[in-house]
């Protein structure tokens, strides 16, 4: 049963992971200096989308690229590695 298994991470380990990940993200955001035009820019409205059209194109394009590479390695890669024989045993 899945419900009765122990968690792979204990509570204190999860807190450390959270602390480290949040610290690195904060440093990434804090190290970029604000430009003068950014400081003078008015805030976006509440009805504006969070992801712009350009961002969506980039996300979809990158996902297609990654899926192409993964499926190429998965399906065509096995035939080039010669690790499987016809009887299913390794060479």
Protein backbone atom coordinates (compact mmCIF):
# COMPACT_ATOMS: atom_id res chain seq x y z
CA UNK A 1 0.00 0.00 0.00
CA UNK A 2 1.22 3.46 -0.85
CA UNK A 3 -0.44 5.16 2.12
CA UNK A 4 1.53 3.24 4.74
CA UNK A 5 5.08 3.80 3.44
CA UNK A 6 7.55 6.05 5.20
CA UNK A 7 8.54 9.30 3.58
CA UNK A 8 12.00 9.25 1.96
CA UNK A 9 12.73 12.59 3.65
CA UNK A 10 12.15 13.37 7.29
CA UNK A 11 10.68 16.72 8.36
CA UNK A 12 14.03 18.29 9.24
CA UNK A 13 15.52 17.19 5.91
CA UNK A 14 12.61 18.76 4.06
CA UNK A 15 13.16 22.00 5.96
CA UNK A 16 16.85 22.02 4.97
CA UNK A 17 15.99 21.38 1.32
CA UNK A 18 13.44 24.18 1.43
CA UNK A 19 15.93 26.55 3.06
CA UNK A 20 18.65 25.83 0.51
CA UNK A 21 16.34 26.09 -2.50
CA UNK A 22 14.76 29.34 -1.28
CA UNK A 23 18.16 30.82 -0.52
CA UNK A 24 19.48 30.08 -4.00
CA UNK A 25 16.35 31.52 -5.63
CA UNK A 26 16.59 34.65 -3.48
CA UNK A 27 20.23 35.12 -4.42
CA UNK A 28 19.40 34.76 -8.10
CA UNK A 29 16.76 37.46 -7.85
CA UNK A 30 18.78 39.74 -5.60
CA UNK A 31 21.97 39.80 -7.67
CA UNK A 32 20.41 41.48 -10.71
CA UNK A 33 20.72 45.23 -10.39
CA UNK A 34 17.59 47.23 -11.23
CA UNK A 35 17.86 49.51 -14.23
CA UNK A 36 16.55 53.06 -14.23
CA UNK A 37 13.82 52.24 -16.77
CA UNK A 38 12.67 49.29 -14.69
CA UNK A 39 12.29 51.49 -11.63
CA UNK A 40 10.24 54.05 -13.59
CA UNK A 41 7.96 51.43 -15.19
CA UNK A 42 4.40 51.36 -13.91
CA UNK A 43 3.17 48.06 -12.44
CA UNK A 44 1.24 45.65 -14.63
CA UNK A 45 -2.52 45.57 -14.17
CA UNK A 46 -4.34 42.83 -12.29
CA UNK A 47 -5.97 41.52 -15.44
CA UNK A 48 -2.70 41.20 -17.37
CA UNK A 49 -1.63 37.58 -17.96
CA UNK A 50 1.23 36.25 -15.86
CA UNK A 51 2.81 34.53 -18.88
CA UNK A 52 3.10 36.66 -22.00
CA UNK A 53 2.62 35.38 -25.53
CA UNK A 54 6.38 35.41 -26.14
CA UNK A 55 7.03 33.47 -22.94
CA UNK A 56 4.39 30.89 -23.92
CA UNK A 57 6.02 30.43 -27.34
CA UNK A 58 9.40 29.92 -25.70
CA UNK A 59 7.99 27.43 -23.17
CA UNK A 60 6.18 25.40 -25.82
CA UNK A 61 9.16 25.50 -28.19
CA UNK A 62 11.54 24.34 -25.49
CA UNK A 63 9.16 21.56 -24.40
CA UNK A 64 8.93 20.29 -27.99
CA UNK A 65 12.72 20.40 -28.27
CA UNK A 66 13.21 18.47 -25.01
CA UNK A 67 10.57 15.87 -25.91
CA UNK A 68 12.18 15.36 -29.32
CA UNK A 69 15.59 14.77 -27.74
CA UNK A 70 14.19 12.48 -25.03
CA UNK A 71 12.16 10.35 -27.45
CA UNK A 72 15.08 10.16 -29.88
CA UNK A 73 17.35 8.89 -27.13
CA UNK A 74 14.67 6.55 -25.80
CA UNK A 75 13.63 4.90 -29.07
CA UNK A 76 16.57 5.35 -31.45
CA UNK A 77 19.24 5.26 -28.76
CA UNK A 78 18.56 1.66 -27.76
CA UNK A 79 19.23 0.41 -31.28
CA UNK A 80 22.63 2.16 -31.32
CA UNK A 81 23.89 1.03 -27.91
CA UNK A 82 23.88 -2.71 -28.66
CA UNK A 83 23.01 -3.56 -25.05
CA UNK A 84 20.09 -5.83 -25.89
CA UNK A 85 20.10 -9.00 -27.98
CA UNK A 86 17.19 -10.82 -29.55
CA UNK A 87 16.71 -13.07 -26.52
CA UNK A 88 16.60 -10.08 -24.13
CA UNK A 89 19.98 -10.72 -22.48
CA UNK A 90 22.84 -8.26 -22.54
CA UNK A 91 25.96 -8.88 -24.65
